[in-house]
Protein backbone atom coordinates (compact mmCIF):
# COMPACT_ATOMS: atom_id res chain seq x y z
CA UNK A 1 39.93 -8.72 -3.64
CA UNK A 2 36.19 -7.06 -2.68
CA UNK A 3 34.02 -5.70 -5.99
CA UNK A 4 33.12 -1.79 -5.29
CA UNK A 5 30.30 -0.22 -7.46
CA UNK A 6 29.05 3.30 -6.80
CA UNK A 7 25.47 3.64 -6.46
CA UNK A 8 23.72 6.29 -7.65
CA UNK A 9 22.35 9.37 -5.17
CA UNK A 10 19.01 9.31 -6.70
CA UNK A 11 18.47 5.51 -5.70
CA UNK A 12 19.65 5.79 -2.29
CA UNK A 13 19.14 9.16 -1.28
CA UNK A 14 19.56 8.04 2.57
CA UNK A 15 23.33 7.63 2.01
CA UNK A 16 26.12 10.36 1.39
CA UNK A 17 27.12 12.03 -1.23
CA UNK A 18 29.79 9.47 -3.20
CA UNK A 19 28.24 6.10 -1.29
CA UNK A 20 29.92 3.17 -1.57
CA UNK A 21 28.86 -0.74 -1.58
CA UNK A 22 30.91 -3.40 -1.19
CA UNK A 23 30.20 -7.18 -1.83
CA UNK A 24 32.14 -9.43 0.60
CA UNK A 25 30.15 -12.31 -1.39
CA UNK A 26 32.09 -12.17 -4.42
CA UNK A 27 35.15 -14.27 -3.30
CA UNK A 28 32.93 -16.71 -1.16
CA UNK A 29 30.57 -17.65 -4.04
CA UNK A 30 33.62 -18.16 -6.71
CA UNK A 31 34.89 -20.83 -4.43
CA UNK A 32 31.79 -22.69 -5.14
CA UNK A 33 32.28 -22.29 -8.75
CA UNK A 34 34.39 -22.75 -11.61
CA UNK A 35 36.15 -19.52 -12.32
CA UNK A 36 36.58 -18.10 -16.10
CA UNK A 37 33.48 -16.28 -16.01
CA UNK A 38 31.91 -19.64 -17.63
CA UNK A 39 28.29 -20.54 -15.89
CA UNK A 40 28.45 -24.03 -14.07
CA UNK A 41 26.66 -25.86 -11.62
CA UNK A 42 26.45 -25.08 -7.86
CA UNK A 43 25.58 -26.39 -4.73
CA UNK A 44 24.54 -23.58 -3.09
CA UNK A 45 21.18 -23.03 -4.58
CA UNK A 46 18.29 -25.26 -6.41
CA UNK A 47 17.80 -23.22 -9.31
CA UNK A 48 14.47 -22.14 -10.34
CA UNK A 49 11.71 -23.84 -8.10
CA UNK A 50 8.02 -23.62 -8.89
CA UNK A 51 5.77 -23.46 -5.88
CA UNK A 52 8.41 -24.92 -3.55
CA UNK A 53 9.05 -27.81 -5.52
CA UNK A 54 12.23 -27.83 -5.60
CA UNK A 55 14.51 -29.24 -8.76
CA UNK A 56 18.08 -31.18 -7.69
CA UNK A 57 21.17 -29.72 -9.38
CA UNK A 58 22.62 -33.19 -9.69
CA UNK A 59 22.70 -34.23 -12.75
CA UNK A 60 20.40 -37.04 -12.92
CA UNK A 61 18.05 -37.70 -10.40
CA UNK A 62 16.53 -40.80 -8.34
CA UNK A 63 14.18 -41.48 -11.16
CA UNK A 64 16.97 -41.06 -13.86
CA UNK A 65 15.68 -38.38 -15.33
CA UNK A 66 18.83 -36.03 -16.34
CA UNK A 67 18.83 -32.24 -14.93
CA UNK A 68 20.90 -29.46 -15.58
CA UNK A 69 21.16 -26.29 -14.23
CA UNK A 70 23.81 -23.37 -14.65
CA UNK A 71 24.37 -20.28 -13.24
CA UNK A 72 26.40 -16.92 -13.81
CA UNK A 73 29.92 -16.81 -12.25
CA UNK A 74 30.46 -14.42 -9.98
CA UNK A 75 33.89 -13.55 -11.26
CA UNK A 76 31.85 -12.24 -14.60
CA UNK A 77 31.26 -8.10 -13.43
CA UNK A 78 29.28 -7.77 -10.48
CA UNK A 79 26.81 -10.72 -11.57
CA UNK A 80 26.63 -13.79 -10.60
CA UNK A 81 24.65 -13.34 -7.03
CA UNK A 82 21.34 -13.59 -7.93
CA UNK A 83 20.66 -17.41 -6.36
CA UNK A 84 17.68 -19.42 -5.32
CA UNK A 85 14.89 -18.09 -7.86
CA UNK A 86 12.02 -19.45 -6.25
CA UNK A 87 8.44 -18.82 -8.56
CA UNK A 88 5.06 -18.78 -6.45
CA UNK A 89 2.25 -19.21 -8.68
CA UNK A 90 -0.56 -18.71 -5.79
CA UNK A 91 0.42 -15.05 -6.35
CA UNK A 92 2.51 -15.23 -9.27
CA UNK A 93 5.71 -13.72 -7.91
CA UNK A 94 8.84 -14.45 -7.81
CA UNK A 95 11.51 -14.91 -4.98
CA UNK A 96 14.89 -14.18 -5.23
CA UNK A 97 17.81 -14.98 -3.13
CA UNK A 98 21.17 -12.76 -1.91
CA UNK A 99 20.65 -9.46 -3.28
CA UNK A 100 21.16 -6.57 -1.14
CA UNK A 101 18.69 -3.61 -0.97
CA UNK A 102 16.09 -5.24 -3.06
CA UNK A 103 13.16 -5.14 -0.90
CA UNK A 104 12.27 -8.32 0.75
CA UNK A 105 13.32 -10.95 -1.63
CA UNK A 106 10.00 -10.88 -3.22
CA UNK A 107 9.64 -9.28 -7.15
CA UNK A 108 5.82 -8.82 -7.95
CA UNK A 109 4.46 -8.86 -11.62
CA UNK A 110 6.03 -5.51 -13.10
CA UNK A 111 4.02 -2.27 -13.61
CA UNK A 112 3.95 -1.13 -16.47
CA UNK A 113 6.27 -3.63 -18.36
CA UNK A 114 4.89 -6.77 -17.00
CA UNK A 115 6.35 -9.17 -20.11
CA UNK A 116 8.76 -8.55 -22.98
CA UNK A 117 7.98 -10.59 -25.48
CA UNK A 118 5.89 -13.68 -24.29
CA UNK A 119 8.86 -13.70 -21.11
CA UNK A 120 7.37 -12.33 -17.85
CA UNK A 121 8.85 -9.30 -16.33
CA UNK A 122 8.99 -8.92 -12.16
CA UNK A 123 10.37 -6.30 -10.02
CA UNK A 124 11.90 -5.68 -6.84
CA UNK A 125 10.24 -3.18 -3.88
CA UNK A 126 11.47 0.31 -3.80
CA UNK A 127 10.68 0.62 -0.32
CA UNK A 128 11.42 -1.90 2.80
CA UNK A 129 10.23 -0.60 6.43
CA UNK A 130 12.25 -1.13 9.69
CA UNK A 131 10.08 -3.61 11.85
CA UNK A 132 11.15 -1.45 14.67
CA UNK A 133 10.54 2.14 14.19
CA UNK A 134 8.21 1.59 10.99
CA UNK A 135 10.38 3.81 8.90
CA UNK A 136 10.57 3.61 5.64
CA UNK A 137 14.19 2.61 4.00
CA UNK A 138 14.61 3.40 0.21
CA UNK A 139 15.95 0.69 -1.93
CA UNK A 140 18.01 0.53 -5.01
CA UNK A 141 15.23 1.25 -8.04
CA UNK A 142 15.31 -0.67 -11.09
CA UNK A 143 15.83 -4.16 -9.83
CA UNK A 144 14.06 -6.41 -12.22
CA UNK A 145 14.18 -10.60 -13.58
CA UNK A 146 13.20 -11.81 -16.18
CA UNK A 147 11.48 -15.53 -16.12
CA UNK A 148 10.80 -17.65 -19.09
CA UNK A 149 9.53 -20.89 -18.74
CA UNK A 150 9.15 -23.83 -21.44
CA UNK A 151 5.27 -24.98 -22.61
CA UNK A 152 6.49 -28.48 -22.54
CA UNK A 153 6.60 -30.46 -19.20
CA UNK A 154 8.54 -33.10 -17.52
CA UNK A 155 7.02 -34.47 -14.33
CA UNK A 156 4.99 -31.48 -14.06
CA UNK A 157 7.49 -29.25 -14.53
CA UNK A 158 8.31 -27.15 -17.11
CA UNK A 159 11.28 -28.96 -19.71
CA UNK A 160 13.36 -25.84 -20.34
CA UNK A 161 13.15 -22.48 -18.12
CA UNK A 162 15.96 -19.36 -17.51
CA UNK A 163 15.68 -16.59 -15.23
CA UNK A 164 17.64 -13.19 -15.11
CA UNK A 165 18.21 -10.49 -13.00
CA UNK A 166 19.75 -7.11 -12.94
CA UNK A 167 19.58 -3.60 -11.99
CA UNK A 168 19.64 -0.43 -13.01
CA UNK A 169 20.35 1.28 -10.09
CA UNK A 170 24.43 1.74 -9.86
CA UNK A 171 26.16 3.66 -11.71
CA UNK A 172 28.20 0.47 -12.68
CA UNK A 173 26.68 -2.81 -14.64
CA UNK A 174 25.53 -3.42 -10.64
CA UNK A 175 24.05 -6.90 -8.90
CA UNK A 176 22.14 -9.53 -10.37
CA UNK A 177 22.45 -12.68 -11.80
CA UNK A 178 20.64 -15.55 -14.78
CA UNK A 179 20.11 -19.39 -14.63
CA UNK A 180 19.18 -21.61 -17.00
CA UNK A 181 18.14 -25.02 -17.06
CA UNK A 182 16.99 -28.13 -17.96
CA UNK A 183 14.61 -30.81 -16.45
CA UNK A 184 14.64 -34.71 -18.35
CA UNK A 185 17.15 -35.62 -20.92
CA UNK A 186 18.21 -35.20 -24.45
CA UNK A 187 17.99 -37.53 -27.33
CA UNK A 188 19.95 -36.14 -30.77
CA UNK A 189 19.93 -37.57 -34.41
CA UNK A 190 23.37 -38.37 -35.48
CA UNK A 191 23.17 -37.03 -38.77
CA UNK A 192 20.96 -34.22 -40.58
CA UNK A 193 19.90 -30.42 -39.54
CA UNK A 194 17.31 -28.84 -37.55
CA UNK A 195 15.99 -25.16 -37.49
CA UNK A 196 14.96 -24.04 -33.51
CA UNK A 197 13.03 -20.88 -33.21
CA UNK A 198 11.49 -18.73 -30.39
CA UNK A 199 11.29 -15.63 -28.85
CA UNK A 200 14.15 -13.67 -27.24
CA UNK A 201 13.82 -11.05 -24.82
CA UNK A 202 16.94 -9.03 -22.58
CA UNK A 203 17.85 -6.29 -20.17
CA UNK A 204 20.55 -3.56 -20.69
CA UNK A 205 22.30 -1.82 -17.80
CA UNK A 206 25.28 0.44 -18.25
CA UNK A 207 28.76 1.19 -17.09
CA UNK A 208 29.67 5.08 -16.01
CA UNK A 209 25.46 5.85 -15.74
CA UNK A 210 22.84 3.94 -14.35
CA UNK A 211 19.55 3.11 -15.86
CA UNK A 212 17.85 -0.41 -17.31
CA UNK A 213 16.49 -1.04 -20.77
CA UNK A 214 14.73 -3.93 -22.18
CA UNK A 215 15.05 -5.72 -25.64
CA UNK A 216 13.26 -8.23 -27.85
CA UNK A 217 14.09 -9.99 -30.67
CA UNK A 218 13.41 -13.21 -32.80
CA UNK A 219 16.03 -16.13 -32.34
CA UNK A 220 16.68 -19.06 -34.86
CA UNK A 221 19.07 -21.54 -34.03
CA UNK A 222 20.65 -24.28 -36.89
CA UNK A 223 21.94 -27.37 -35.67
CA UNK A 224 24.14 -29.73 -37.55
CA UNK A 225 24.29 -33.00 -36.20
CA UNK A 226 27.17 -34.57 -38.27
CA UNK A 227 29.83 -31.75 -39.21
CA UNK A 228 32.39 -30.63 -38.80
CA UNK A 229 32.86 -34.57 -37.83
CA UNK A 230 32.85 -33.60 -33.87
CA UNK A 231 29.15 -33.85 -33.58
CA UNK A 232 26.57 -31.40 -33.50
CA UNK A 233 27.20 -27.86 -34.40
CA UNK A 234 25.46 -25.18 -33.98
CA UNK A 235 24.67 -21.83 -35.68
CA UNK A 236 22.17 -19.09 -35.49
CA UNK A 237 21.34 -15.51 -35.22
CA UNK A 238 19.10 -13.18 -33.23
CA UNK A 239 16.62 -10.53 -35.36
CA UNK A 240 14.10 -8.09 -35.22
CA UNK A 241 15.41 -6.42 -32.37
CA UNK A 242 13.83 -3.84 -30.77
CA UNK A 243 14.37 -2.02 -27.25
CA UNK A 244 12.45 0.03 -24.55
CA UNK A 245 12.75 2.06 -21.65
CA UNK A 246 12.22 1.11 -18.42
CA UNK A 247 8.63 2.61 -18.29
CA UNK A 248 8.16 0.63 -21.89
CA UNK A 249 8.29 2.85 -24.68
CA UNK A 250 10.38 2.12 -27.50
CA UNK A 251 13.73 3.34 -27.82
CA UNK A 252 14.62 4.74 -31.60
CA UNK A 253 17.36 2.64 -33.49
CA UNK A 254 19.82 3.61 -36.02
CA UNK A 255 20.65 7.11 -37.45
CA UNK A 256 23.29 9.68 -35.56
CA UNK A 257 23.05 9.38 -31.64
CA UNK A 258 20.23 7.01 -31.65
CA UNK A 259 20.53 3.13 -30.20
CA UNK A 260 22.04 0.43 -32.77
CA UNK A 261 21.08 -2.92 -32.33
CA UNK A 262 21.90 -5.10 -35.62
CA UNK A 263 21.70 -8.65 -35.82
CA UNK A 264 23.32 -10.54 -33.45
CA UNK A 265 25.21 -13.53 -35.02
CA UNK A 266 26.82 -16.98 -33.74
CA UNK A 267 30.26 -17.07 -35.10
CA UNK A 268 31.19 -20.68 -36.60
CA UNK A 269 34.43 -21.89 -36.14
CA UNK A 270 35.52 -25.55 -37.35
CA UNK A 271 37.79 -26.00 -33.79
CA UNK A 272 34.38 -25.56 -31.44
CA UNK A 273 33.49 -28.19 -29.48
CA UNK A 274 29.79 -28.26 -30.66
CA UNK A 275 27.05 -29.71 -28.52
CA UNK A 276 28.21 -31.85 -26.07
CA UNK A 277 26.66 -35.31 -24.96
CA UNK A 278 24.13 -34.00 -22.88
CA UNK A 279 22.79 -31.23 -24.76
CA UNK A 280 25.31 -28.22 -23.86
CA UNK A 281 26.57 -26.01 -25.74
CA UNK A 282 28.40 -22.18 -25.48
CA UNK A 283 30.12 -19.99 -27.89
CA UNK A 284 30.99 -16.46 -29.21
CA UNK A 285 28.18 -14.09 -30.90
CA UNK A 286 28.03 -10.92 -31.67
CA UNK A 287 27.32 -8.06 -33.93
CA UNK A 288 28.67 -5.88 -36.43
CA UNK A 289 27.88 -1.98 -37.25
CA UNK A 290 29.05 -0.05 -40.32
CA UNK A 291 30.98 3.11 -40.23
CA UNK A 292 30.67 6.72 -41.44
CA UNK A 293 33.51 4.86 -44.38
CA UNK A 294 31.10 2.12 -45.14
CA UNK A 295 33.66 -0.48 -43.22
CA UNK A 296 32.00 -3.52 -40.92
CA UNK A 297 33.39 -3.38 -37.70
CA UNK A 298 32.84 -5.04 -34.53
CA UNK A 299 30.18 -3.86 -32.09
CA UNK A 300 28.67 -6.17 -29.72
CA UNK A 301 30.85 -8.81 -28.36
CA UNK A 302 29.84 -12.05 -26.24
CA UNK A 303 29.15 -15.24 -25.44
CA UNK A 304 25.85 -17.81 -25.72
CA UNK A 305 24.87 -20.64 -23.43
CA UNK A 306 22.64 -23.14 -24.24
CA UNK A 307 21.20 -26.79 -23.19
CA UNK A 308 19.57 -28.73 -25.80
CA UNK A 309 16.48 -31.25 -24.50
CA UNK A 310 13.73 -33.42 -25.45
CA UNK A 311 14.07 -35.61 -28.30
CA UNK A 312 15.14 -34.47 -31.29
CA UNK A 313 14.79 -37.67 -33.78
CA UNK A 314 10.99 -37.47 -33.53
CA UNK A 315 8.34 -35.04 -34.86
CA UNK A 316 6.11 -35.15 -32.07
CA UNK A 317 8.35 -33.54 -30.03
CA UNK A 318 11.62 -32.47 -31.82
CA UNK A 319 13.26 -31.18 -29.14
CA UNK A 320 13.70 -27.63 -27.73
CA UNK A 321 16.97 -25.12 -26.77
CA UNK A 322 17.27 -22.44 -23.89
CA UNK A 323 19.84 -20.49 -23.73
CA UNK A 324 21.54 -16.86 -22.50
CA UNK A 325 23.27 -14.34 -24.36
CA UNK A 326 25.43 -11.73 -23.11
CA UNK A 327 26.84 -9.16 -24.99
CA UNK A 328 28.82 -6.04 -24.32
CA UNK A 329 29.32 -2.87 -26.45
CA UNK A 330 29.83 0.91 -26.42
CA UNK A 331 26.33 3.13 -26.51
CA UNK A 332 26.59 5.29 -29.10
CA UNK A 333 23.95 7.35 -27.56
CA UNK A 334 26.43 8.64 -24.36
CA UNK A 335 30.36 9.55 -24.94
CA UNK A 336 32.11 6.63 -22.89
CA UNK A 337 29.74 4.43 -21.75
CA UNK A 338 29.43 0.71 -21.88
CA UNK A 339 26.32 -1.34 -22.71
CA UNK A 340 25.43 -5.20 -21.02
CA UNK A 341 22.57 -6.81 -22.79
CA UNK A 342 21.38 -9.80 -21.02
CA UNK A 343 19.06 -12.23 -22.79
CA UNK A 344 17.09 -15.43 -22.33
CA UNK A 345 15.23 -17.48 -24.86
CA UNK A 346 13.53 -20.56 -25.56
CA UNK A 347 13.48 -21.81 -28.95
CA UNK A 348 11.51 -24.82 -30.24
CA UNK A 349 11.99 -27.13 -33.23
């Protein structure tokens, strides 16, 4: 079954009114990764590379350095198609494979929004050229990429990294994807608790209307390394959330007819499997809003996916956590419009 989305007439004026874009790759990619919408390891790409230096998606390389690379599943809506993120340091660009009508796959540093909460923003070309005639071809606008690298290094590479690719150029969520990864292994204590803190940044896209917005916040994750008797268990929240339009203008929060961005909190359940021995963890995250009658009700719902790395048993290291958050909500500013926020973070001990 093919995915079908409707593109904005303003984004692609050279298409006829009511144009459609089909995605014949959806089923093919689904065969390469796990189904069910969970991020998974895939053999068709090499995650985030830096200046052409490939980080193998193999669990352990020849030097015994454990690496984990996870992608957005291709059956999770219209996402999961962006593959092969390559950062080219000499000209500060990102090359993203497998997205149609985003120019030549080369994303340059964003203008006017070049970063959100210390993570870099890049944008796809708005115009492509026919190489034979020289005619200009408008692209699907609002393609953006959000990239985060750890301040720690393993064999010269960032220990943790994430990348998110989204567009506001379609009436539905649009095509895109995310990847998050770790280079190097993890050492976890068998008891005690630890606090990890860092920056969070994301992008919001919409169903039944176009547009793209940026978000930012602070993330705090708490790990209990020896309870529910199932290994390490994680808790946490994203606070101080703010939103900006695609030009970097602050969006009004709260109040009737304004955007609502309450704290996002991880759901802690006694049946959670906790953090796996290799440092991976996933679970439910969401927020609540208060109705006019004062009752709390579910507002944003979704999941988080994360990887712990480093040595959490020593003060000299402490470890870090890289992850992705994906939540959906009904946007209070519009009638019948759903919003999807995809964010990334790197939190340090």
